[in-house]
Amino acid sequence: MNSPFLEAFAGTNETIPVWFMRQAGRYLPEYQAIKAAHSLETMFKTPDLAAEITCQPIDILGVDAAILFADILTLPGAMGFKIGFDDRKGPVIDTHFKMKDVHDHEEIGHITETIKQVKNKLTRNIPLIGFAGSPFTVLSFLIEGGSSVGYKKLFKYMKAETDAFHQLMEILTINTIRYLQQQIKAGADVVQLFDTCAGILSQEDFKDLVLPYVQRIFAALKVPSIYFVRNTAHLLSLLDLVNSDFLSVDHTVNLGTPATLNQIQKGVQGNLFNGNLYLDYPQLEKEVEKILLGGSQHQRYIFNLSHGVFPDVEVDKLKFVVDKVHEFKKIKV
């Protein structure tokens, strides 16, 4: 496959590839038209719809990779948790733990079928990114019963029920590996593990409670891989120990600086602050160029955001960013 995105994993790309977290979603009128007729659960579980949504940003934005339209809570849903989606509150979860292993791939067969349909729709040079939520981030949602600001229930469980916490992390790790391997078998070219919540931890807690599990996950995968952590800066030295090919960082990290270059030896993805998509075009261009100048100092680099696209971002702003990234002349390190 002649793909700048895949070539970036070897550092042989001539142009810098770009895609956006949450690029398949709410900011697109084409997505909203589907959402007007279907519930979110229906969209996730109907391969025809999920495949169409996955592919929408490719022609609209001109990005260099597609990412599967799914949710990080798809796996725990298959493991027995009752999970609903509220348009205002986000996921709502029954916090009674009745966790089961996913042995029967039919439980998440809609993911397999979606990936197969996406691969049939994509042009030959556009790879597909599969993904999962990390065990820690998924467990954070399960314990809190949804999204959280203070993570009070999570911290209490971590500290007071440490053995039980590790047992749950073990179960989630085993099943995350199975889930990602199924996506790879179905046709995913790259996988990204989202650890949105891990940045709330101290270095010590991350090293004890998260690092061993994500290392096992990436060791089990045989395709190019990316690890995303939000609130990244204080964990950089530990994150470089994760055996993913790339580390996706948020805006708390200054790309291309000596401190960052010394702490990250793997490939880097990121990290335009997603709030900067509200800037006017001249200011946005300056911010994009700043990120490109820093990111291109790394031997392997993919342009992305600090987190996901907000639902009210103008589509033309994202197209503008894609064009500016593709116009940039890669610096030979």
Foldseek 3Di string as FASTA:
>chain_A
DPALVQVLLVLPHFFFFADEFCLLDQQDPVRVVVVVPDPPVCCQQALVNQLCSQCVCCVLQVGRETEGPHDQCLLQVLQPWDWDQDPPQGIFTDLDDPGHAPPDCVSVVSLLSNLLSNVVVDDPHYAYEYEHEQLVQNVLCSQVRHDDDPSPSVVCCCVVVVVVLVVSNVRRLVRRLVVVVSSVVSGHQEYEYEHAPLLVDALVCCVVRPQVSQLVSQVSDDHQYEYEYANPDNNLLVVLVRPHQEYEAEPVDQAQDPVNVVRHQHQYEDAAALVLLPPPDVVSLVSLVSNQVRNLNHSRYHYYYNHGHDSNRNSVSSSSSSVSSRPDGRDHD
